Amino acid sequence: MPFSSLGDTLNSRFTQKGPLKKQLDDSQVVEEAKVVLSEIFGEDLAKTALPLFLKNRTLTISCSSSAMAQEIRLNQTQIVDKLNEKLGRNEVDRIRYLA
């Protein structure tokens, strides 16, 4: 039985469609969402909103105040559009915010 290198094995696992690839893609969405929120609201205000996870194409964001949740609701379309543009694919359809 031939052996393959650990790097080749991991690379094939992350490039195939499967749970590891899905988790990697979802974590990329969360990280890009942090960048998008900073660009739209500025560094200080963006610190009051924390992207948590992506499920069923819905990004969940925890807000430290109801005012920030309202701002996210008002700018939802802009956030989704900019996030999908940065990702280069349509991963997010809507935002759910927790205040």
PDB file of N, CA and C in Angstrom:
ATOM      1  N   MET A   1       0.847  -1.183   0.000  1.00  0.00           N
ATOM      2  CA  MET A   1       0.000   0.000   0.000  1.00  0.00           C
ATOM      3  C   MET A   1       0.891   1.245   0.000  1.00  0.00           C
ATOM      4  N   PRO A   2       0.753   2.110  -1.003  1.00  0.00           N
ATOM      5  CA  PRO A   2       1.602   3.304  -1.055  1.00  0.00           C
ATOM      6  C   PRO A   2       1.138   4.357  -0.043  1.00  0.00           C
ATOM      7  N   PHE A   3       2.103   5.061   0.484  1.00  0.00           N
ATOM      8  CA  PHE A   3       1.814   6.129   1.432  1.00  0.00           C
ATOM      9  C   PHE A   3       1.788   7.461   0.690  1.00  0.00           C
ATOM     10  N   SER A   4       0.959   8.365   1.181  1.00  0.00           N
ATOM     11  CA  SER A   4       0.966   9.719   0.643  1.00  0.00           C
ATOM     12  C   SER A   4       1.378  10.664   1.768  1.00  0.00           C
ATOM     13  N   SER A   5       1.892  11.789   1.383  1.00  0.00           N
ATOM     14  CA  SER A   5       2.351  12.742   2.404  1.00  0.00           C
ATOM     15  C   SER A   5       1.153  13.347   3.133  1.00  0.00           C
ATOM     16  N   LEU A   6       1.407  13.782   4.343  1.00  0.00           N
ATOM     17  CA  LEU A   6       0.359  14.405   5.148  1.00  0.00           C
ATOM     18  C   LEU A   6      -0.188  15.641   4.449  1.00  0.00           C
ATOM     19  N   GLY A   7       0.685  16.425   3.846  1.00  0.00           N
ATOM     20  CA  GLY A   7       0.258  17.637   3.134  1.00  0.00           C
ATOM     21  C   GLY A   7      -0.687  17.316   1.987  1.00  0.00           C
ATOM     22  N   ASP A   8      -0.366  16.264   1.222  1.00  0.00           N
ATOM     23  CA  ASP A   8      -1.234  15.871   0.112  1.00  0.00           C
ATOM     24  C   ASP A   8      -2.592  15.394   0.616  1.00  0.00           C
ATOM     25  N   THR A   9      -2.584  14.644   1.702  1.00  0.00           N
ATOM     26  CA  THR A   9      -3.835  14.131   2.273  1.00  0.00           C
ATOM     27  C   THR A   9      -4.710  15.278   2.769  1.00  0.00           C
ATOM     28  N   LEU A  10      -4.121  16.213   3.515  1.00  0.00           N
ATOM     29  CA  LEU A  10      -4.888  17.355   4.017  1.00  0.00           C
ATOM     30  C   LEU A  10      -5.402  18.218   2.871  1.00  0.00           C
ATOM     31  N   ASN A  11      -4.563  18.459   1.888  1.00  0.00           N
ATOM     32  CA  ASN A  11      -4.970  19.264   0.741  1.00  0.00           C
ATOM     33  C   ASN A  11      -6.164  18.639   0.032  1.00  0.00           C
ATOM     34  N   SER A  12      -6.138  17.325  -0.152  1.00  0.00           N
ATOM     35  CA  SER A  12      -7.260  16.676  -0.840  1.00  0.00           C
ATOM     36  C   SER A  12      -8.532  16.736  -0.004  1.00  0.00           C
ATOM     37  N   ARG A  13      -8.395  16.670   1.319  1.00  0.00           N
ATOM     38  CA  ARG A  13      -9.570  16.750   2.195  1.00  0.00           C
ATOM     39  C   ARG A  13     -10.212  18.135   2.174  1.00  0.00           C
ATOM     40  N   PHE A  14      -9.385  19.168   2.072  1.00  0.00           N
ATOM     41  CA  PHE A  14      -9.915  20.533   2.088  1.00  0.00           C
ATOM     42  C   PHE A  14     -10.404  20.987   0.721  1.00  0.00           C
ATOM     43  N   THR A  15     -10.019  20.331  -0.351  1.00  0.00           N
ATOM     44  CA  THR A  15     -10.471  20.734  -1.677  1.00  0.00           C
ATOM     45  C   THR A  15     -11.673  19.929  -2.145  1.00  0.00           C
ATOM     46  N   GLN A  16     -11.934  18.772  -1.553  1.00  0.00           N
ATOM     47  CA  GLN A  16     -13.106  17.973  -1.906  1.00  0.00           C
ATOM     48  C   GLN A  16     -14.349  18.598  -1.279  1.00  0.00           C
ATOM     49  N   LYS A  17     -15.491  18.317  -1.880  1.00  0.00           N
ATOM     50  CA  LYS A  17     -16.743  18.720  -1.242  1.00  0.00           C
ATOM     51  C   LYS A  17     -16.961  17.794  -0.055  1.00  0.00           C
ATOM     52  N   GLY A  18     -17.093  18.346   1.102  1.00  0.00           N
ATOM     53  CA  GLY A  18     -17.273  17.547   2.304  1.00  0.00           C
ATOM     54  C   GLY A  18     -17.361  18.446   3.517  1.00  0.00           C
ATOM     55  N   PRO A  19     -17.470  17.843   4.695  1.00  0.00           N
ATOM     56  CA  PRO A  19     -17.649  18.654   5.905  1.00  0.00           C
ATOM     57  C   PRO A  19     -16.461  19.558   6.223  1.00  0.00           C
ATOM     58  N   LEU A  20     -15.239  19.104   5.962  1.00  0.00           N
ATOM     59  CA  LEU A  20     -14.080  19.957   6.237  1.00  0.00           C
ATOM     60  C   LEU A  20     -14.053  21.170   5.319  1.00  0.00           C
ATOM     61  N   LYS A  21     -14.357  20.971   4.058  1.00  0.00           N
ATOM     62  CA  LYS A  21     -14.402  22.074   3.086  1.00  0.00           C
ATOM     63  C   LYS A  21     -15.490  23.067   3.475  1.00  0.00           C
ATOM     64  N   LYS A  22     -16.652  22.562   3.891  1.00  0.00           N
ATOM     65  CA  LYS A  22     -17.770  23.423   4.300  1.00  0.00           C
ATOM     66  C   LYS A  22     -17.377  24.260   5.516  1.00  0.00           C
ATOM     67  N   GLN A  23     -16.739  23.642   6.505  1.00  0.00           N
ATOM     68  CA  GLN A  23     -16.323  24.375   7.690  1.00  0.00           C
ATOM     69  C   GLN A  23     -15.283  25.444   7.351  1.00  0.00           C
ATOM     70  N   LEU A  24     -14.383  25.111   6.467  1.00  0.00           N
ATOM     71  CA  LEU A  24     -13.365  26.070   6.041  1.00  0.00           C
ATOM     72  C   LEU A  24     -14.002  27.256   5.322  1.00  0.00           C
ATOM     73  N   ASP A  25     -14.945  26.984   4.427  1.00  0.00           N
ATOM     74  CA  ASP A  25     -15.644  28.053   3.709  1.00  0.00           C
ATOM     75  C   ASP A  25     -16.443  28.933   4.669  1.00  0.00           C
ATOM     76  N   ASP A  26     -17.140  28.304   5.627  1.00  0.00           N
ATOM     77  CA  ASP A  26     -17.940  29.061   6.589  1.00  0.00           C
ATOM     78  C   ASP A  26     -17.070  29.956   7.459  1.00  0.00           C
ATOM     79  N   SER A  27     -15.902  29.462   7.875  1.00  0.00           N
ATOM     80  CA  SER A  27     -15.019  30.290   8.700  1.00  0.00           C
ATOM     81  C   SER A  27     -14.451  31.449   7.881  1.00  0.00           C
ATOM     82  N   GLN A  28     -14.250  31.232   6.587  1.00  0.00           N
ATOM     83  CA  GLN A  28     -13.791  32.320   5.725  1.00  0.00           C
ATOM     84  C   GLN A  28     -14.859  33.414   5.640  1.00  0.00           C
ATOM     85  N   VAL A  29     -16.126  33.023   5.566  1.00  0.00           N
ATOM     86  CA  VAL A  29     -17.223  33.996   5.518  1.00  0.00           C
ATOM     87  C   VAL A  29     -17.234  34.835   6.790  1.00  0.00           C
ATOM     88  N   VAL A  30     -17.072  34.197   7.943  1.00  0.00           N
ATOM     89  CA  VAL A  30     -17.081  34.915   9.219  1.00  0.00           C
ATOM     90  C   VAL A  30     -15.921  35.913   9.285  1.00  0.00           C
ATOM     91  N   GLU A  31     -14.752  35.493   8.859  1.00  0.00           N
ATOM     92  CA  GLU A  31     -13.591  36.392   8.880  1.00  0.00           C
ATOM     93  C   GLU A  31     -13.777  37.567   7.919  1.00  0.00           C
ATOM     94  N   GLU A  32     -14.288  37.315   6.740  1.00  0.00           N
ATOM     95  CA  GLU A  32     -14.533  38.401   5.776  1.00  0.00           C
ATOM     96  C   GLU A  32     -15.631  39.334   6.283  1.00  0.00           C
ATOM     97  N   ALA A  33     -16.602  38.798   7.008  1.00  0.00           N
ATOM     98  CA  ALA A  33     -17.680  39.633   7.554  1.00  0.00           C
ATOM     99  C   ALA A  33     -17.114  40.653   8.537  1.00  0.00           C
ATOM    100  N   LYS A  34     -16.117  40.260   9.315  1.00  0.00           N
ATOM    101  CA  LYS A  34     -15.483  41.200  10.246  1.00  0.00           C
ATOM    102  C   LYS A  34     -14.853  42.360   9.476  1.00  0.00           C
ATOM    103  N   VAL A  35     -14.210  42.051   8.365  1.00  0.00           N
ATOM    104  CA  VAL A  35     -13.575  43.084   7.541  1.00  0.00           C
ATOM    105  C   VAL A  35     -14.631  44.010   6.942  1.00  0.00           C
ATOM    106  N   VAL A  36     -15.703  43.431   6.414  1.00  0.00           N
ATOM    107  CA  VAL A  36     -16.769  44.222   5.784  1.00  0.00           C
ATOM    108  C   VAL A  36     -17.422  45.142   6.805  1.00  0.00           C
ATOM    109  N   LEU A  37     -17.701  44.635   8.000  1.00  0.00           N
ATOM    110  CA  LEU A  37     -18.309  45.477   9.034  1.00  0.00           C
ATOM    111  C   LEU A  37     -17.389  46.640   9.399  1.00  0.00           C
ATOM    112  N   SER A  38     -16.093  46.391   9.454  1.00  0.00           N
ATOM    113  CA  SER A  38     -15.133  47.471   9.749  1.00  0.00           C
ATOM    114  C   SER A  38     -15.119  48.512   8.640  1.00  0.00           C
ATOM    115  N   GLU A  39     -15.214  48.059   7.399  1.00  0.00           N
ATOM    116  CA  GLU A  39     -15.217  48.996   6.275  1.00  0.00           C
ATOM    117  C   GLU A  39     -16.481  49.841   6.249  1.00  0.00           C
ATOM    118  N   ILE A  40     -17.607  49.253   6.575  1.00  0.00           N
ATOM    119  CA  ILE A  40     -18.879  49.983   6.503  1.00  0.00           C
ATOM    120  C   ILE A  40     -19.088  50.883   7.720  1.00  0.00           C
ATOM    121  N   PHE A  41     -18.808  50.363   8.918  1.00  0.00           N
ATOM    122  CA  PHE A  41     -19.115  51.104  10.139  1.00  0.00           C
ATOM    123  C   PHE A  41     -17.906  51.742  10.812  1.00  0.00           C
ATOM    124  N   GLY A  42     -16.716  51.430  10.376  1.00  0.00           N
ATOM    125  CA  GLY A  42     -15.515  51.932  11.038  1.00  0.00           C
ATOM    126  C   GLY A  42     -15.082  50.962  12.131  1.00  0.00           C
ATOM    127  N   GLU A  43     -13.820  51.045  12.492  1.00  0.00           N
ATOM    128  CA  GLU A  43     -13.229  50.112  13.458  1.00  0.00           C
ATOM    129  C   GLU A  43     -13.944  50.113  14.811  1.00  0.00           C
ATOM    130  N   ASP A  44     -14.188  51.296  15.363  1.00  0.00           N
ATOM    131  CA  ASP A  44     -14.757  51.373  16.709  1.00  0.00           C
ATOM    132  C   ASP A  44     -16.164  50.804  16.783  1.00  0.00           C
ATOM    133  N   LEU A  45     -17.005  51.201  15.849  1.00  0.00           N
ATOM    134  CA  LEU A  45     -18.387  50.722  15.858  1.00  0.00           C
ATOM    135  C   LEU A  45     -18.467  49.242  15.498  1.00  0.00           C
ATOM    136  N   ALA A  46     -17.584  48.784  14.630  1.00  0.00           N
ATOM    137  CA  ALA A  46     -17.590  47.370  14.223  1.00  0.00           C
ATOM    138  C   ALA A  46     -17.228  46.451  15.388  1.00  0.00           C
ATOM    139  N   LYS A  47     -16.534  46.961  16.381  1.00  0.00           N
ATOM    140  CA  LYS A  47     -16.184  46.148  17.555  1.00  0.00           C
ATOM    141  C   LYS A  47     -17.414  45.761  18.368  1.00  0.00           C
ATOM    142  N   THR A  48     -18.525  46.450  18.154  1.00  0.00           N
ATOM    143  CA  THR A  48     -19.747  46.135  18.896  1.00  0.00           C
ATOM    144  C   THR A  48     -20.583  45.065  18.197  1.00  0.00           C
ATOM    145  N   ALA A  49     -20.094  44.557  17.070  1.00  0.00           N
ATOM    146  CA  ALA A  49     -20.790  43.494  16.331  1.00  0.00           C
ATOM    147  C   ALA A  49     -19.802  42.360  16.060  1.00  0.00           C
ATOM    148  N   LEU A  50     -20.190  41.147  16.409  1.00  0.00           N
ATOM    149  CA  LEU A  50     -19.311  39.999  16.244  1.00  0.00           C
ATOM    150  C   LEU A  50     -19.987  38.937  15.374  1.00  0.00           C
ATOM    151  N   PRO A  51     -19.499  38.741  14.144  1.00  0.00           N
ATOM    152  CA  PRO A  51     -20.027  37.658  13.315  1.00  0.00           C
ATOM    153  C   PRO A  51     -19.735  36.318  13.986  1.00  0.00           C
ATOM    154  N   LEU A  52     -20.758  35.479  14.126  1.00  0.00           N
ATOM    155  CA  LEU A  52     -20.604  34.223  14.849  1.00  0.00           C
ATOM    156  C   LEU A  52     -20.466  33.015  13.933  1.00  0.00           C
ATOM    157  N   PHE A  53     -21.454  32.818  13.047  1.00  0.00           N
ATOM    158  CA  PHE A  53     -21.431  31.633  12.189  1.00  0.00           C
ATOM    159  C   PHE A  53     -22.356  31.814  10.996  1.00  0.00           C
ATOM    160  N   LEU A  54     -22.185  30.925  10.030  1.00  0.00           N
ATOM    161  CA  LEU A  54     -23.018  30.900   8.830  1.00  0.00           C
ATOM    162  C   LEU A  54     -23.764  29.574   8.819  1.00  0.00           C
ATOM    163  N   LYS A  55     -25.073  29.645   8.666  1.00  0.00           N
ATOM    164  CA  LYS A  55     -25.888  28.431   8.593  1.00  0.00           C
ATOM    165  C   LYS A  55     -27.030  28.688   7.624  1.00  0.00           C
ATOM    166  N   ASN A  56     -27.183  27.783   6.666  1.00  0.00           N
ATOM    167  CA  ASN A  56     -28.244  27.903   5.657  1.00  0.00           C
ATOM    168  C   ASN A  56     -28.207  29.264   4.962  1.00  0.00           C
ATOM    169  N   ARG A  57     -26.990  29.709   4.621  1.00  0.00           N
ATOM    170  CA  ARG A  57     -26.759  30.956   3.902  1.00  0.00           C
ATOM    171  C   ARG A  57     -27.181  32.196   4.692  1.00  0.00           C
ATOM    172  N   THR A  58     -27.359  32.044   6.022  1.00  0.00           N
ATOM    173  CA  THR A  58     -27.701  33.152   6.904  1.00  0.00           C
ATOM    174  C   THR A  58     -26.541  33.397   7.854  1.00  0.00           C
ATOM    175  N   LEU A  59     -26.007  34.602   7.840  1.00  0.00           N
ATOM    176  CA  LEU A  59     -24.912  34.984   8.724  1.00  0.00           C
ATOM    177  C   LEU A  59     -25.503  35.525  10.021  1.00  0.00           C
ATOM    178  N   THR A  60     -25.100  34.943  11.148  1.00  0.00           N
ATOM    179  CA  THR A  60     -25.567  35.394  12.456  1.00  0.00           C
ATOM    180  C   THR A  60     -24.509  36.284  13.078  1.00  0.00           C
ATOM    181  N   ILE A  61     -24.949  37.468  13.519  1.00  0.00           N
ATOM    182  CA  ILE A  61     -24.052  38.462  14.114  1.00  0.00           C
ATOM    183  C   ILE A  61     -24.589  38.823  15.496  1.00  0.00           C
ATOM    184  N   SER A  62     -23.722  38.787  16.492  1.00  0.00           N
ATOM    185  CA  SER A  62     -24.073  39.193  17.846  1.00  0.00           C
ATOM    186  C   SER A  62     -23.741  40.677  18.009  1.00  0.00           C
ATOM    187  N   CYS A  63     -24.703  41.442  18.498  1.00  0.00           N
ATOM    188  CA  CYS A  63     -24.517  42.890  18.677  1.00  0.00           C
ATOM    189  C   CYS A  63     -24.562  43.226  20.163  1.00  0.00           C
ATOM    190  N   SER A  64     -23.689  44.117  20.585  1.00  0.00           N
ATOM    191  CA  SER A  64     -23.654  44.488  21.997  1.00  0.00           C
ATOM    192  C   SER A  64     -24.727  45.519  22.353  1.00  0.00           C
ATOM    193  N   SER A  65     -25.388  46.077  21.342  1.00  0.00           N
ATOM    194  CA  SER A  65     -26.447  47.040  21.613  1.00  0.00           C
ATOM    195  C   SER A  65     -27.548  46.920  20.563  1.00  0.00           C
ATOM    196  N   SER A  66     -28.725  47.329  20.953  1.00  0.00           N
ATOM    197  CA  SER A  66     -29.839  47.302  20.006  1.00  0.00           C
ATOM    198  C   SER A  66     -29.638  48.342  18.903  1.00  0.00           C
ATOM    199  N   ALA A  67     -28.898  49.405  19.201  1.00  0.00           N
ATOM    200  CA  ALA A  67     -28.616  50.419  18.182  1.00  0.00           C
ATOM    201  C   ALA A  67     -27.770  49.837  17.054  1.00  0.00           C
ATOM    202  N   MET A  68     -26.785  49.013  17.414  1.00  0.00           N
ATOM    203  CA  MET A  68     -25.959  48.377  16.386  1.00  0.00           C
ATOM    204  C   MET A  68     -26.766  47.362  15.598  1.00  0.00           C
ATOM    205  N   ALA A  69     -27.636  46.632  16.260  1.00  0.00           N
ATOM    206  CA  ALA A  69     -28.510  45.677  15.560  1.00  0.00           C
ATOM    207  C   ALA A  69     -29.376  46.419  14.552  1.00  0.00           C
ATOM    208  N   GLN A  70     -29.871  47.582  14.925  1.00  0.00           N
ATOM    209  CA  GLN A  70     -30.686  48.402  14.021  1.00  0.00           C
ATOM    210  C   GLN A  70     -29.862  48.860  12.817  1.00  0.00           C
ATOM    211  N   GLU A  71     -28.618  49.274  13.058  1.00  0.00           N
ATOM    212  CA  GLU A  71     -27.739  49.694  11.957  1.00  0.00           C
ATOM    213  C   GLU A  71     -27.477  48.538  10.987  1.00  0.00           C
ATOM    214  N   ILE A  72     -27.278  47.344  11.519  1.00  0.00           N
ATOM    215  CA  ILE A  72     -27.062  46.175  10.669  1.00  0.00           C
ATOM    216  C   ILE A  72     -28.329  45.875   9.866  1.00  0.00           C
ATOM    217  N   ARG A  73     -29.480  45.994  10.509  1.00  0.00           N
ATOM    218  CA  ARG A  73     -30.746  45.750   9.800  1.00  0.00           C
ATOM    219  C   ARG A  73     -30.910  46.749   8.656  1.00  0.00           C
ATOM    220  N   LEU A  74     -30.606  48.003   8.899  1.00  0.00           N
ATOM    221  CA  LEU A  74     -30.772  49.034   7.879  1.00  0.00           C
ATOM    222  C   LEU A  74     -29.777  48.872   6.720  1.00  0.00           C
ATOM    223  N   ASN A  75     -28.611  48.323   7.022  1.00  0.00           N
ATOM    224  CA  ASN A  75     -27.560  48.177   6.011  1.00  0.00           C
ATOM    225  C   ASN A  75     -27.364  46.732   5.543  1.00  0.00           C
ATOM    226  N   GLN A  76     -28.344  45.879   5.815  1.00  0.00           N
ATOM    227  CA  GLN A  76     -28.210  44.451   5.512  1.00  0.00           C
ATOM    228  C   GLN A  76     -27.882  44.186   4.045  1.00  0.00           C
ATOM    229  N   THR A  77     -28.577  44.821   3.136  1.00  0.00           N
ATOM    230  CA  THR A  77     -28.343  44.593   1.710  1.00  0.00           C
ATOM    231  C   THR A  77     -26.929  44.976   1.317  1.00  0.00           C
ATOM    232  N   GLN A  78     -26.465  46.115   1.802  1.00  0.00           N
ATOM    233  CA  GLN A  78     -25.111  46.566   1.497  1.00  0.00           C
ATOM    234  C   GLN A  78     -24.073  45.592   2.067  1.00  0.00           C
ATOM    235  N   ILE A  79     -24.283  45.118   3.287  1.00  0.00           N
ATOM    236  CA  ILE A  79     -23.349  44.183   3.919  1.00  0.00           C
ATOM    237  C   ILE A  79     -23.290  42.875   3.137  1.00  0.00           C
ATOM    238  N   VAL A  80     -24.451  42.324   2.797  1.00  0.00           N
ATOM    239  CA  VAL A  80     -24.518  41.054   2.056  1.00  0.00           C
ATOM    240  C   VAL A  80     -23.860  41.196   0.690  1.00  0.00           C
ATOM    241  N   ASP A  81     -24.179  42.276  -0.016  1.00  0.00           N
ATOM    242  CA  ASP A  81     -23.602  42.482  -1.350  1.00  0.00           C
ATOM    243  C   ASP A  81     -22.079  42.608  -1.294  1.00  0.00           C
ATOM    244  N   LYS A  82     -21.584  43.397  -0.351  1.00  0.00           N
ATOM    245  CA  LYS A  82     -20.142  43.614  -0.246  1.00  0.00           C
ATOM    246  C   LYS A  82     -19.424  42.324   0.189  1.00  0.00           C
ATOM    247  N   LEU A  83     -20.042  41.577   1.082  1.00  0.00           N
ATOM    248  CA  LEU A  83     -19.455  40.325   1.541  1.00  0.00           C
ATOM    249  C   LEU A  83     -19.373  39.308   0.414  1.00  0.00           C
ATOM    250  N   ASN A  84     -20.446  39.144  -0.341  1.00  0.00           N
ATOM    251  CA  ASN A  84     -20.439  38.211  -1.471  1.00  0.00           C
ATOM    252  C   ASN A  84     -19.442  38.648  -2.542  1.00  0.00           C
ATOM    253  N   GLU A  85     -19.318  39.947  -2.730  1.00  0.00           N
ATOM    254  CA  GLU A  85     -18.349  40.470  -3.704  1.00  0.00           C
ATOM    255  C   GLU A  85     -16.919  40.125  -3.279  1.00  0.00           C
ATOM    256  N   LYS A  86     -16.614  40.307  -1.984  1.00  0.00           N
ATOM    257  CA  LYS A  86     -15.280  39.983  -1.484  1.00  0.00           C
ATOM    258  C   LYS A  86     -14.983  38.489  -1.587  1.00  0.00           C
ATOM    259  N   LEU A  87     -16.000  37.659  -1.342  1.00  0.00           N
ATOM    260  CA  LEU A  87     -15.818  36.216  -1.397  1.00  0.00           C
ATOM    261  C   LEU A  87     -15.725  35.703  -2.829  1.00  0.00           C
ATOM    262  N   GLY A  88     -16.291  36.458  -3.760  1.00  0.00           N
ATOM    263  CA  GLY A  88     -16.279  36.034  -5.157  1.00  0.00           C
ATOM    264  C   GLY A  88     -17.344  35.005  -5.482  1.00  0.00           C
ATOM    265  N   ARG A  89     -18.283  34.823  -4.585  1.00  0.00           N
ATOM    266  CA  ARG A  89     -19.385  33.881  -4.795  1.00  0.00           C
ATOM    267  C   ARG A  89     -20.529  34.267  -3.857  1.00  0.00           C
ATOM    268  N   ASN A  90     -21.729  33.809  -4.160  1.00  0.00           N
ATOM    269  CA  ASN A  90     -22.891  34.121  -3.331  1.00  0.00           C
ATOM    270  C   ASN A  90     -23.026  33.096  -2.214  1.00  0.00           C
ATOM    271  N   GLU A  91     -22.478  33.433  -1.060  1.00  0.00           N
ATOM    272  CA  GLU A  91     -22.520  32.549   0.102  1.00  0.00           C
ATOM    273  C   GLU A  91     -23.581  32.982   1.108  1.00  0.00           C
ATOM    274  N   VAL A  92     -23.873  34.281   1.161  1.00  0.00           N
ATOM    275  CA  VAL A  92     -24.761  34.828   2.185  1.00  0.00           C
ATOM    276  C   VAL A  92     -25.988  35.435   1.513  1.00  0.00           C
ATOM    277  N   ASP A  93     -27.167  35.047   2.001  1.00  0.00           N
ATOM    278  CA  ASP A  93     -28.419  35.615   1.491  1.00  0.00           C
ATOM    279  C   ASP A  93     -28.994  36.670   2.430  1.00  0.00           C
ATOM    280  N   ARG A  94     -28.810  36.452   3.720  1.00  0.00           N
ATOM    281  CA  ARG A  94     -29.384  37.384   4.693  1.00  0.00           C
ATOM    282  C   ARG A  94     -28.581  37.373   5.968  1.00  0.00           C
ATOM    283  N   ILE A  95     -28.908  38.316   6.856  1.00  0.00           N
ATOM    284  CA  ILE A  95     -28.208  38.448   8.141  1.00  0.00           C
ATOM    285  C   ILE A  95     -29.229  38.329   9.263  1.00  0.00           C
ATOM    286  N   ARG A  96     -28.863  37.565  10.260  1.00  0.00           N
ATOM    287  CA  ARG A  96     -29.649  37.469  11.487  1.00  0.00           C
ATOM    288  C   ARG A  96     -28.811  38.141  12.567  1.00  0.00           C
ATOM    289  N   TYR A  97     -29.392  39.027  13.308  1.00  0.00           N
ATOM    290  CA  TYR A  97     -28.640  39.755  14.328  1.00  0.00           C
ATOM    291  C   TYR A  97     -29.240  39.508  15.697  1.00  0.00           C
ATOM    292  N   LEU A  98     -28.380  39.342  16.674  1.00  0.00           N
ATOM    293  CA  LEU A  98     -28.784  39.116  18.056  1.00  0.00           C
ATOM    294  C   LEU A  98     -28.360  40.327  18.867  1.00  0.00           C
ATOM    295  N   ALA A  99     -29.306  40.913  19.574  1.00  0.00           N
ATOM    296  CA  ALA A  99     -28.993  42.105  20.388  1.00  0.00           C
ATOM    297  C   ALA A  99     -29.052  41.783  21.864  1.00  0.00           C
TER     298      ALA A  99
END
